[in-house]
N, C-alpha and C. Protein backbone atom coordinates (compact mmCIF):
# COMPACT_ATOMS: atom_id res chain seq x y z
N MET A 1 -6.49 -11.88 5.50
CA MET A 1 -5.61 -11.09 6.32
C MET A 1 -4.20 -11.10 5.71
N ASN A 2 -3.58 -9.94 5.65
CA ASN A 2 -2.23 -9.81 5.10
C ASN A 2 -1.25 -9.79 6.27
N ASP A 3 -0.41 -10.83 6.37
CA ASP A 3 0.53 -10.91 7.49
C ASP A 3 1.96 -10.58 7.07
N SER A 4 2.11 -9.87 5.96
CA SER A 4 3.44 -9.49 5.51
C SER A 4 4.07 -8.49 6.48
N THR A 5 5.39 -8.56 6.61
CA THR A 5 6.08 -7.54 7.40
C THR A 5 6.30 -6.27 6.58
N LEU A 6 6.02 -6.31 5.28
CA LEU A 6 6.03 -5.10 4.48
C LEU A 6 4.71 -4.39 4.74
N LYS A 7 4.76 -3.39 5.58
CA LYS A 7 3.56 -2.67 5.99
C LYS A 7 3.36 -1.44 5.10
N PRO A 8 2.11 -1.05 4.91
CA PRO A 8 1.83 0.15 4.11
C PRO A 8 2.59 1.39 4.60
N GLU A 9 2.78 1.49 5.90
CA GLU A 9 3.49 2.66 6.45
C GLU A 9 4.93 2.73 5.95
N LEU A 10 5.58 1.59 5.78
CA LEU A 10 6.95 1.57 5.26
C LEU A 10 6.99 2.12 3.83
N LEU A 11 6.05 1.69 3.01
CA LEU A 11 6.01 2.18 1.64
C LEU A 11 5.66 3.67 1.61
N GLN A 12 4.74 4.09 2.45
CA GLN A 12 4.40 5.51 2.51
C GLN A 12 5.60 6.35 2.94
N ARG A 13 6.37 5.83 3.86
CA ARG A 13 7.51 6.57 4.40
C ARG A 13 8.67 6.65 3.41
N TYR A 14 8.93 5.59 2.66
CA TYR A 14 10.17 5.52 1.88
C TYR A 14 10.01 5.50 0.36
N ALA A 15 8.88 5.11 -0.18
CA ALA A 15 8.77 4.91 -1.63
C ALA A 15 8.86 6.20 -2.43
N GLY A 16 8.41 7.30 -1.85
CA GLY A 16 8.41 8.56 -2.60
C GLY A 16 7.58 8.42 -3.86
N ASP A 17 8.09 8.95 -4.96
CA ASP A 17 7.34 8.89 -6.22
C ASP A 17 7.81 7.76 -7.14
N ARG A 18 8.50 6.79 -6.58
CA ARG A 18 8.95 5.66 -7.39
C ARG A 18 7.75 4.86 -7.91
N LYS A 19 7.88 4.40 -9.14
CA LYS A 19 6.76 3.72 -9.81
C LYS A 19 6.98 2.22 -9.98
N VAL A 20 8.17 1.73 -9.62
CA VAL A 20 8.51 0.32 -9.83
C VAL A 20 8.79 -0.33 -8.48
N PHE A 21 8.17 -1.48 -8.27
CA PHE A 21 8.38 -2.29 -7.06
C PHE A 21 8.96 -3.63 -7.49
N ILE A 22 10.07 -4.02 -6.85
CA ILE A 22 10.73 -5.28 -7.17
C ILE A 22 10.92 -6.06 -5.87
N GLU A 23 10.42 -7.29 -5.87
CA GLU A 23 10.48 -8.14 -4.67
C GLU A 23 11.22 -9.42 -5.01
N THR A 24 12.02 -9.89 -4.07
CA THR A 24 12.57 -11.24 -4.17
C THR A 24 12.00 -12.03 -3.00
N GLY A 25 11.49 -13.21 -3.30
CA GLY A 25 10.86 -14.03 -2.28
C GLY A 25 9.36 -13.77 -2.23
N THR A 26 8.64 -14.21 -3.25
CA THR A 26 7.20 -13.96 -3.36
C THR A 26 6.43 -14.60 -2.22
N SER A 27 6.80 -15.81 -1.85
CA SER A 27 6.10 -16.59 -0.83
C SER A 27 4.60 -16.63 -1.15
N ARG A 28 3.75 -16.29 -0.21
CA ARG A 28 2.30 -16.34 -0.43
C ARG A 28 1.78 -15.10 -1.17
N GLY A 29 2.65 -14.14 -1.43
CA GLY A 29 2.23 -12.94 -2.16
C GLY A 29 1.74 -11.81 -1.29
N GLU A 30 1.93 -11.94 0.02
CA GLU A 30 1.42 -10.90 0.92
C GLU A 30 2.17 -9.57 0.77
N GLY A 31 3.50 -9.63 0.63
CA GLY A 31 4.26 -8.40 0.42
C GLY A 31 3.91 -7.76 -0.91
N LEU A 32 3.80 -8.59 -1.94
CA LEU A 32 3.41 -8.09 -3.26
C LEU A 32 2.03 -7.44 -3.20
N GLN A 33 1.10 -8.04 -2.47
CA GLN A 33 -0.24 -7.46 -2.34
C GLN A 33 -0.18 -6.10 -1.64
N THR A 34 0.66 -5.98 -0.62
CA THR A 34 0.82 -4.69 0.05
C THR A 34 1.31 -3.64 -0.94
N ALA A 35 2.26 -4.02 -1.79
CA ALA A 35 2.78 -3.09 -2.80
C ALA A 35 1.70 -2.72 -3.81
N VAL A 36 0.94 -3.71 -4.26
CA VAL A 36 -0.15 -3.45 -5.21
C VAL A 36 -1.15 -2.47 -4.58
N ASP A 37 -1.48 -2.68 -3.34
CA ASP A 37 -2.41 -1.79 -2.64
C ASP A 37 -1.85 -0.37 -2.53
N HIS A 38 -0.52 -0.27 -2.45
CA HIS A 38 0.14 1.05 -2.37
C HIS A 38 -0.04 1.83 -3.67
N GLY A 39 0.04 1.16 -4.80
CA GLY A 39 -0.22 1.83 -6.07
C GLY A 39 0.99 2.18 -6.92
N PHE A 40 1.96 1.29 -7.02
CA PHE A 40 3.04 1.48 -7.99
C PHE A 40 2.48 1.24 -9.39
N ASP A 41 3.25 1.60 -10.41
CA ASP A 41 2.81 1.36 -11.79
C ASP A 41 3.17 -0.05 -12.27
N ARG A 42 4.31 -0.57 -11.80
CA ARG A 42 4.81 -1.86 -12.28
C ARG A 42 5.38 -2.65 -11.12
N TYR A 43 5.15 -3.98 -11.14
CA TYR A 43 5.57 -4.87 -10.05
C TYR A 43 6.28 -6.08 -10.63
N TYR A 44 7.37 -6.44 -9.98
CA TYR A 44 8.10 -7.66 -10.33
C TYR A 44 8.33 -8.42 -9.03
N SER A 45 8.11 -9.73 -9.07
CA SER A 45 8.36 -10.55 -7.89
C SER A 45 9.04 -11.84 -8.34
N ILE A 46 10.13 -12.18 -7.66
CA ILE A 46 10.95 -13.33 -8.03
C ILE A 46 10.83 -14.39 -6.94
N GLU A 47 10.53 -15.61 -7.36
CA GLU A 47 10.38 -16.73 -6.43
C GLU A 47 11.20 -17.92 -6.94
N ALA A 48 11.94 -18.58 -6.04
CA ALA A 48 12.79 -19.70 -6.43
C ALA A 48 12.07 -21.05 -6.43
N ASN A 49 11.02 -21.17 -5.66
CA ASN A 49 10.32 -22.45 -5.52
C ASN A 49 9.19 -22.54 -6.55
N ALA A 50 9.22 -23.57 -7.40
CA ALA A 50 8.26 -23.68 -8.50
C ALA A 50 6.81 -23.79 -8.01
N ALA A 51 6.56 -24.54 -6.95
CA ALA A 51 5.19 -24.69 -6.44
C ALA A 51 4.67 -23.36 -5.87
N VAL A 52 5.51 -22.66 -5.13
CA VAL A 52 5.13 -21.36 -4.56
C VAL A 52 4.90 -20.36 -5.68
N TYR A 53 5.76 -20.39 -6.69
CA TYR A 53 5.62 -19.53 -7.86
C TYR A 53 4.29 -19.79 -8.56
N ALA A 54 3.93 -21.06 -8.76
CA ALA A 54 2.67 -21.41 -9.43
C ALA A 54 1.47 -20.87 -8.65
N ASN A 55 1.51 -20.98 -7.32
CA ASN A 55 0.42 -20.43 -6.50
C ASN A 55 0.32 -18.92 -6.66
N ALA A 56 1.47 -18.25 -6.67
CA ALA A 56 1.47 -16.78 -6.83
C ALA A 56 0.95 -16.40 -8.22
N CYS A 57 1.31 -17.18 -9.23
CA CYS A 57 0.79 -16.90 -10.58
C CYS A 57 -0.73 -16.97 -10.60
N SER A 58 -1.30 -17.93 -9.91
CA SER A 58 -2.75 -18.04 -9.83
C SER A 58 -3.34 -16.83 -9.09
N ARG A 59 -2.72 -16.46 -7.99
CA ARG A 59 -3.24 -15.36 -7.17
C ARG A 59 -3.23 -14.04 -7.94
N PHE A 60 -2.17 -13.78 -8.72
CA PHE A 60 -2.03 -12.48 -9.39
C PHE A 60 -2.33 -12.55 -10.89
N ALA A 61 -3.04 -13.58 -11.32
CA ALA A 61 -3.32 -13.78 -12.75
C ALA A 61 -4.05 -12.59 -13.38
N GLY A 62 -4.87 -11.91 -12.67
CA GLY A 62 -5.65 -10.81 -13.23
C GLY A 62 -4.96 -9.45 -13.23
N TYR A 63 -3.73 -9.41 -12.78
CA TYR A 63 -3.00 -8.14 -12.68
C TYR A 63 -2.05 -8.00 -13.87
N GLU A 64 -2.39 -7.13 -14.80
CA GLU A 64 -1.55 -6.97 -16.00
C GLU A 64 -0.20 -6.33 -15.71
N ASN A 65 -0.11 -5.57 -14.64
CA ASN A 65 1.15 -4.86 -14.34
C ASN A 65 2.00 -5.60 -13.31
N VAL A 66 1.66 -6.85 -13.02
CA VAL A 66 2.44 -7.69 -12.11
C VAL A 66 3.11 -8.78 -12.93
N GLU A 67 4.44 -8.86 -12.81
CA GLU A 67 5.18 -9.91 -13.51
C GLU A 67 5.88 -10.78 -12.47
N LEU A 68 5.56 -12.06 -12.50
CA LEU A 68 6.17 -13.02 -11.59
C LEU A 68 7.26 -13.78 -12.35
N LEU A 69 8.40 -13.95 -11.69
CA LEU A 69 9.56 -14.57 -12.32
C LEU A 69 10.04 -15.72 -11.45
N LEU A 70 10.44 -16.81 -12.07
CA LEU A 70 10.89 -18.01 -11.37
C LEU A 70 12.40 -18.13 -11.46
N GLY A 71 13.05 -18.32 -10.30
CA GLY A 71 14.48 -18.56 -10.31
C GLY A 71 15.18 -17.96 -9.11
N ASP A 72 16.49 -18.09 -9.12
CA ASP A 72 17.36 -17.55 -8.07
C ASP A 72 17.29 -16.03 -8.09
N GLY A 73 17.05 -15.42 -6.93
CA GLY A 73 16.88 -13.97 -6.85
C GLY A 73 18.02 -13.18 -7.45
N GLY A 74 19.24 -13.55 -7.16
CA GLY A 74 20.39 -12.81 -7.67
C GLY A 74 20.51 -12.90 -9.18
N GLN A 75 20.32 -14.09 -9.72
CA GLN A 75 20.46 -14.28 -11.17
C GLN A 75 19.32 -13.64 -11.94
N VAL A 76 18.10 -13.85 -11.48
CA VAL A 76 16.94 -13.29 -12.18
C VAL A 76 16.94 -11.77 -12.05
N LEU A 77 17.32 -11.27 -10.89
CA LEU A 77 17.35 -9.82 -10.69
C LEU A 77 18.35 -9.16 -11.63
N GLN A 78 19.49 -9.78 -11.81
CA GLN A 78 20.50 -9.23 -12.72
C GLN A 78 19.94 -9.08 -14.14
N ALA A 79 19.23 -10.09 -14.61
CA ALA A 79 18.62 -10.03 -15.94
C ALA A 79 17.49 -9.00 -15.99
N LEU A 80 16.66 -8.98 -14.96
CA LEU A 80 15.54 -8.04 -14.91
C LEU A 80 16.02 -6.59 -14.93
N LEU A 81 17.07 -6.30 -14.18
CA LEU A 81 17.52 -4.91 -14.05
C LEU A 81 18.02 -4.31 -15.36
N ARG A 82 18.33 -5.14 -16.33
CA ARG A 82 18.71 -4.61 -17.65
C ARG A 82 17.57 -3.81 -18.28
N HIS A 83 16.34 -4.06 -17.81
CA HIS A 83 15.16 -3.42 -18.38
C HIS A 83 14.56 -2.35 -17.47
N VAL A 84 15.15 -2.14 -16.32
CA VAL A 84 14.65 -1.14 -15.37
C VAL A 84 15.42 0.15 -15.59
N THR A 85 14.68 1.20 -15.94
CA THR A 85 15.31 2.46 -16.34
C THR A 85 15.00 3.61 -15.39
N GLU A 86 14.49 3.30 -14.22
CA GLU A 86 14.16 4.34 -13.24
C GLU A 86 14.35 3.79 -11.83
N PRO A 87 14.45 4.67 -10.85
CA PRO A 87 14.63 4.20 -9.47
C PRO A 87 13.45 3.32 -9.04
N ALA A 88 13.76 2.28 -8.29
CA ALA A 88 12.75 1.32 -7.84
C ALA A 88 12.80 1.17 -6.33
N VAL A 89 11.76 0.56 -5.80
CA VAL A 89 11.73 0.12 -4.41
C VAL A 89 11.95 -1.38 -4.42
N PHE A 90 12.96 -1.83 -3.69
CA PHE A 90 13.27 -3.26 -3.58
C PHE A 90 12.83 -3.78 -2.21
N TRP A 91 12.16 -4.91 -2.21
CA TRP A 91 11.83 -5.63 -0.99
C TRP A 91 12.53 -6.99 -1.12
N LEU A 92 13.65 -7.13 -0.41
CA LEU A 92 14.47 -8.34 -0.51
C LEU A 92 14.15 -9.28 0.64
N ASP A 93 13.55 -10.41 0.30
CA ASP A 93 13.05 -11.35 1.31
C ASP A 93 13.13 -12.78 0.79
N SER A 94 14.15 -13.08 -0.02
CA SER A 94 14.20 -14.40 -0.66
C SER A 94 15.21 -15.30 0.02
N HIS A 95 14.80 -15.91 1.05
CA HIS A 95 15.64 -16.89 1.73
C HIS A 95 14.76 -18.07 2.08
N TRP A 96 15.35 -19.22 2.12
CA TRP A 96 14.60 -20.41 2.48
C TRP A 96 14.31 -20.36 3.97
N SER A 97 13.09 -20.74 4.32
CA SER A 97 12.69 -20.79 5.73
C SER A 97 12.26 -22.21 6.07
N THR A 98 12.51 -22.61 7.29
CA THR A 98 12.05 -23.94 7.71
C THR A 98 10.54 -23.99 7.60
N GLY A 99 10.02 -25.13 7.27
CA GLY A 99 8.58 -25.29 7.11
C GLY A 99 8.11 -25.06 5.68
N GLU A 100 8.96 -24.48 4.83
CA GLU A 100 8.60 -24.30 3.43
C GLU A 100 8.98 -25.55 2.65
N ALA A 101 8.55 -25.61 1.42
CA ALA A 101 8.89 -26.74 0.56
C ALA A 101 10.41 -26.85 0.45
N PRO A 102 10.93 -28.06 0.28
CA PRO A 102 12.37 -28.22 0.15
C PRO A 102 12.91 -27.45 -1.05
N LEU A 103 14.14 -27.03 -0.93
CA LEU A 103 14.80 -26.32 -2.03
C LEU A 103 15.12 -27.28 -3.17
N ALA A 104 14.98 -26.80 -4.38
CA ALA A 104 15.39 -27.57 -5.54
C ALA A 104 16.91 -27.62 -5.58
N ALA A 105 17.45 -28.63 -6.20
CA ALA A 105 18.91 -28.76 -6.32
C ALA A 105 19.50 -27.52 -6.97
N GLY A 106 20.58 -27.02 -6.41
CA GLY A 106 21.28 -25.88 -6.96
C GLY A 106 20.72 -24.52 -6.58
N VAL A 107 19.63 -24.47 -5.83
CA VAL A 107 19.04 -23.18 -5.43
C VAL A 107 19.77 -22.67 -4.20
N ASN A 108 20.20 -21.43 -4.26
CA ASN A 108 20.88 -20.79 -3.14
C ASN A 108 19.86 -20.54 -2.02
N PRO A 109 20.10 -21.04 -0.81
CA PRO A 109 19.13 -20.85 0.27
C PRO A 109 19.02 -19.39 0.73
N CYS A 110 20.00 -18.57 0.39
CA CYS A 110 19.95 -17.15 0.76
C CYS A 110 20.72 -16.34 -0.29
N PRO A 111 20.04 -15.93 -1.37
CA PRO A 111 20.73 -15.23 -2.45
C PRO A 111 20.89 -13.72 -2.22
N LEU A 112 20.75 -13.27 -0.99
CA LEU A 112 20.74 -11.84 -0.69
C LEU A 112 21.97 -11.10 -1.22
N LEU A 113 23.16 -11.63 -1.00
CA LEU A 113 24.36 -10.91 -1.45
C LEU A 113 24.41 -10.84 -2.98
N GLY A 114 23.94 -11.88 -3.67
CA GLY A 114 23.85 -11.84 -5.12
C GLY A 114 22.84 -10.80 -5.60
N GLU A 115 21.74 -10.69 -4.87
CA GLU A 115 20.73 -9.68 -5.20
C GLU A 115 21.32 -8.27 -5.03
N LEU A 116 22.00 -8.06 -3.93
CA LEU A 116 22.62 -6.74 -3.69
C LEU A 116 23.72 -6.46 -4.72
N ARG A 117 24.45 -7.49 -5.13
CA ARG A 117 25.47 -7.32 -6.16
C ARG A 117 24.83 -6.88 -7.48
N ALA A 118 23.70 -7.48 -7.82
CA ALA A 118 22.98 -7.11 -9.04
C ALA A 118 22.53 -5.65 -8.98
N ILE A 119 22.04 -5.23 -7.82
CA ILE A 119 21.61 -3.84 -7.66
C ILE A 119 22.83 -2.92 -7.73
N ALA A 120 23.94 -3.32 -7.14
CA ALA A 120 25.16 -2.50 -7.16
C ALA A 120 25.68 -2.31 -8.59
N GLU A 121 25.48 -3.30 -9.45
CA GLU A 121 25.95 -3.21 -10.84
C GLU A 121 25.00 -2.40 -11.72
N HIS A 122 23.82 -2.09 -11.21
CA HIS A 122 22.84 -1.31 -11.98
C HIS A 122 23.27 0.15 -12.00
N PRO A 123 23.10 0.85 -13.13
CA PRO A 123 23.58 2.23 -13.21
C PRO A 123 22.79 3.24 -12.35
N ILE A 124 21.58 2.92 -12.00
CA ILE A 124 20.79 3.84 -11.16
C ILE A 124 21.19 3.61 -9.71
N LYS A 125 21.47 4.69 -9.00
CA LYS A 125 22.02 4.59 -7.64
C LYS A 125 21.13 5.20 -6.57
N ASP A 126 19.86 5.46 -6.90
CA ASP A 126 18.99 6.03 -5.87
C ASP A 126 17.72 5.20 -5.65
N HIS A 127 17.91 3.89 -5.75
CA HIS A 127 16.83 2.97 -5.39
C HIS A 127 16.61 3.03 -3.87
N VAL A 128 15.45 2.58 -3.44
CA VAL A 128 15.20 2.32 -2.03
C VAL A 128 15.30 0.81 -1.85
N ILE A 129 16.11 0.38 -0.89
CA ILE A 129 16.31 -1.05 -0.65
C ILE A 129 15.82 -1.37 0.76
N MET A 130 14.89 -2.30 0.85
CA MET A 130 14.38 -2.79 2.13
C MET A 130 14.70 -4.28 2.21
N ILE A 131 15.34 -4.68 3.30
CA ILE A 131 15.74 -6.07 3.49
C ILE A 131 15.04 -6.61 4.73
N ASP A 132 14.22 -7.63 4.53
CA ASP A 132 13.44 -8.20 5.63
C ASP A 132 14.25 -9.26 6.39
N ASP A 133 13.82 -9.51 7.61
CA ASP A 133 14.35 -10.59 8.45
C ASP A 133 15.80 -10.38 8.86
N ILE A 134 16.20 -9.15 9.05
CA ILE A 134 17.57 -8.83 9.47
C ILE A 134 17.91 -9.52 10.80
N ARG A 135 16.91 -9.81 11.61
CA ARG A 135 17.17 -10.45 12.92
C ARG A 135 17.98 -11.74 12.76
N TYR A 136 17.82 -12.41 11.63
CA TYR A 136 18.54 -13.67 11.42
C TYR A 136 20.01 -13.46 11.07
N PHE A 137 20.38 -12.25 10.71
CA PHE A 137 21.74 -12.01 10.22
C PHE A 137 22.66 -11.38 11.26
N TRP A 138 22.18 -11.15 12.47
CA TRP A 138 23.06 -10.56 13.49
C TRP A 138 24.20 -11.50 13.81
N ARG A 139 23.92 -12.79 13.84
CA ARG A 139 24.98 -13.77 14.13
C ARG A 139 25.37 -14.57 12.91
N GLY A 140 24.51 -14.63 11.93
CA GLY A 140 24.76 -15.48 10.77
C GLY A 140 24.15 -16.86 10.99
N ILE A 141 23.65 -17.44 9.95
CA ILE A 141 23.05 -18.77 9.99
C ILE A 141 23.82 -19.65 9.01
N ALA A 142 24.24 -20.81 9.48
CA ALA A 142 25.07 -21.68 8.64
C ALA A 142 24.39 -22.00 7.31
N GLN A 143 23.07 -22.30 7.33
CA GLN A 143 22.37 -22.65 6.09
C GLN A 143 22.30 -21.47 5.12
N TRP A 144 22.53 -20.27 5.61
CA TRP A 144 22.50 -19.07 4.77
C TRP A 144 23.91 -18.54 4.58
N ASN A 145 24.88 -19.40 4.56
CA ASN A 145 26.28 -19.06 4.28
C ASN A 145 26.88 -18.12 5.32
N ASN A 146 26.33 -18.12 6.53
CA ASN A 146 26.83 -17.28 7.64
C ASN A 146 26.92 -15.80 7.27
N ILE A 147 26.03 -15.33 6.42
CA ILE A 147 25.98 -13.91 6.08
C ILE A 147 25.57 -13.13 7.33
N THR A 148 26.27 -12.04 7.59
CA THR A 148 25.97 -11.22 8.76
C THR A 148 25.49 -9.83 8.34
N VAL A 149 24.97 -9.09 9.32
CA VAL A 149 24.54 -7.72 9.08
C VAL A 149 25.69 -6.89 8.53
N ASN A 150 26.91 -7.12 9.02
CA ASN A 150 28.07 -6.37 8.52
C ASN A 150 28.30 -6.65 7.03
N ASP A 151 28.14 -7.91 6.61
CA ASP A 151 28.28 -8.26 5.19
C ASP A 151 27.22 -7.53 4.35
N ILE A 152 26.01 -7.53 4.86
CA ILE A 152 24.90 -6.89 4.16
C ILE A 152 25.12 -5.39 4.07
N LEU A 153 25.51 -4.78 5.18
CA LEU A 153 25.75 -3.34 5.20
C LEU A 153 26.84 -2.96 4.20
N GLN A 154 27.91 -3.74 4.13
CA GLN A 154 28.97 -3.45 3.18
C GLN A 154 28.46 -3.51 1.74
N MET A 155 27.64 -4.52 1.44
CA MET A 155 27.08 -4.63 0.09
C MET A 155 26.13 -3.47 -0.22
N VAL A 156 25.33 -3.07 0.76
CA VAL A 156 24.43 -1.93 0.57
C VAL A 156 25.24 -0.68 0.25
N LEU A 157 26.33 -0.48 0.97
CA LEU A 157 27.17 0.70 0.72
C LEU A 157 27.94 0.58 -0.59
N ASP A 158 28.12 -0.65 -1.10
CA ASP A 158 28.68 -0.83 -2.43
C ASP A 158 27.69 -0.36 -3.51
N VAL A 159 26.39 -0.49 -3.22
CA VAL A 159 25.38 0.04 -4.14
C VAL A 159 25.54 1.56 -4.23
N ASN A 160 25.60 2.19 -3.06
CA ASN A 160 25.78 3.64 -3.00
C ASN A 160 26.36 4.00 -1.64
N PRO A 161 27.58 4.51 -1.59
CA PRO A 161 28.20 4.84 -0.30
C PRO A 161 27.52 6.01 0.41
N LEU A 162 26.62 6.69 -0.28
CA LEU A 162 25.88 7.80 0.33
C LEU A 162 24.55 7.37 0.95
N TYR A 163 24.27 6.08 0.86
CA TYR A 163 23.01 5.60 1.44
C TYR A 163 22.96 5.87 2.94
N TRP A 164 21.80 6.21 3.37
CA TRP A 164 21.45 6.36 4.77
C TRP A 164 20.74 5.05 5.14
N VAL A 165 21.15 4.43 6.23
CA VAL A 165 20.61 3.13 6.62
C VAL A 165 19.88 3.26 7.95
N ARG A 166 18.71 2.64 7.98
CA ARG A 166 17.88 2.68 9.18
C ARG A 166 17.26 1.30 9.38
N PHE A 167 17.02 0.95 10.62
CA PHE A 167 16.35 -0.32 10.94
C PHE A 167 14.93 -0.01 11.39
N GLU A 168 13.99 -0.76 10.83
CA GLU A 168 12.58 -0.57 11.12
C GLU A 168 12.01 -1.83 11.76
N GLU A 169 10.86 -1.67 12.35
CA GLU A 169 10.18 -2.79 12.98
C GLU A 169 9.58 -3.72 11.94
N GLY A 170 9.79 -5.01 12.15
CA GLY A 170 9.16 -6.05 11.34
C GLY A 170 8.55 -7.02 12.33
N VAL A 171 9.07 -8.24 12.36
CA VAL A 171 8.66 -9.19 13.40
C VAL A 171 9.16 -8.71 14.76
N GLY A 172 10.33 -8.07 14.75
CA GLY A 172 10.91 -7.48 15.95
C GLY A 172 11.27 -6.03 15.68
N PRO A 173 11.83 -5.35 16.67
CA PRO A 173 12.08 -3.91 16.53
C PRO A 173 13.17 -3.53 15.52
N VAL A 174 14.12 -4.36 15.23
CA VAL A 174 15.17 -4.02 14.24
C VAL A 174 15.25 -5.14 13.21
N ASP A 175 14.15 -5.37 12.51
CA ASP A 175 14.03 -6.53 11.64
C ASP A 175 14.07 -6.20 10.16
N ILE A 176 13.98 -4.93 9.80
CA ILE A 176 13.99 -4.53 8.40
C ILE A 176 15.06 -3.46 8.23
N MET A 177 16.03 -3.72 7.36
CA MET A 177 17.04 -2.71 7.04
C MET A 177 16.52 -1.91 5.84
N VAL A 178 16.56 -0.60 5.96
CA VAL A 178 16.14 0.28 4.87
C VAL A 178 17.34 1.13 4.47
N ALA A 179 17.63 1.17 3.18
CA ALA A 179 18.71 2.01 2.65
C ALA A 179 18.12 2.94 1.61
N CYS A 180 18.37 4.23 1.79
CA CYS A 180 17.88 5.22 0.84
C CYS A 180 18.78 6.46 0.92
N LEU A 181 18.61 7.37 -0.04
CA LEU A 181 19.45 8.56 -0.05
C LEU A 181 18.96 9.65 0.87
N ASN A 182 17.66 9.80 0.99
CA ASN A 182 17.10 10.88 1.80
C ASN A 182 16.52 10.34 3.10
N PRO A 183 17.13 10.70 4.22
CA PRO A 183 16.60 10.19 5.48
C PRO A 183 15.19 10.74 5.74
N VAL A 184 14.39 9.92 6.37
CA VAL A 184 13.04 10.32 6.73
C VAL A 184 13.12 11.00 8.09
N VAL A 185 12.56 12.17 8.17
CA VAL A 185 12.54 12.90 9.44
C VAL A 185 11.17 12.71 10.07
N GLU A 186 11.17 12.15 11.24
CA GLU A 186 9.91 11.91 11.96
C GLU A 186 9.48 13.21 12.61
N SER A 187 8.20 13.50 12.53
CA SER A 187 7.70 14.74 13.16
C SER A 187 7.16 14.45 14.55
């Protein structure tokens, strides 16, 4: 059973003809599996925890078009984006959660702003950005540097001030922030 909050309907609604999927926060690989099932051409997933990364490497070993990367989402994403030459779909979900393995020394418990900064520095400005677990950022969490939805929204608009932002259902009704250039019109 796939319990990812990245649902096929979200990808159908927003991905368009994009061929590259980039995820931060591999975890058990459920979001990545949803993307693989959707049918992009190339997949990248970044995980900060070495044990979780090793498990994901085993799970996706047979997929030639899936590349798993180990490290801080913001730092690894900045290096990865030097090689991305077309608009991508981003699923940003790399934050430490209680119940997971302890963080290694020096690992940022919530690299979201660094990830958005890396995307903002990329020359392509029509990516689709989906940010999971927005419910945690309405007030800010001390362990995540008290980042708030306002901080995130400002960074998203730094990527492209023409982005249209919408909140979608995840665990709760406004749990996924989606930023894209073309608003989806519901029929």
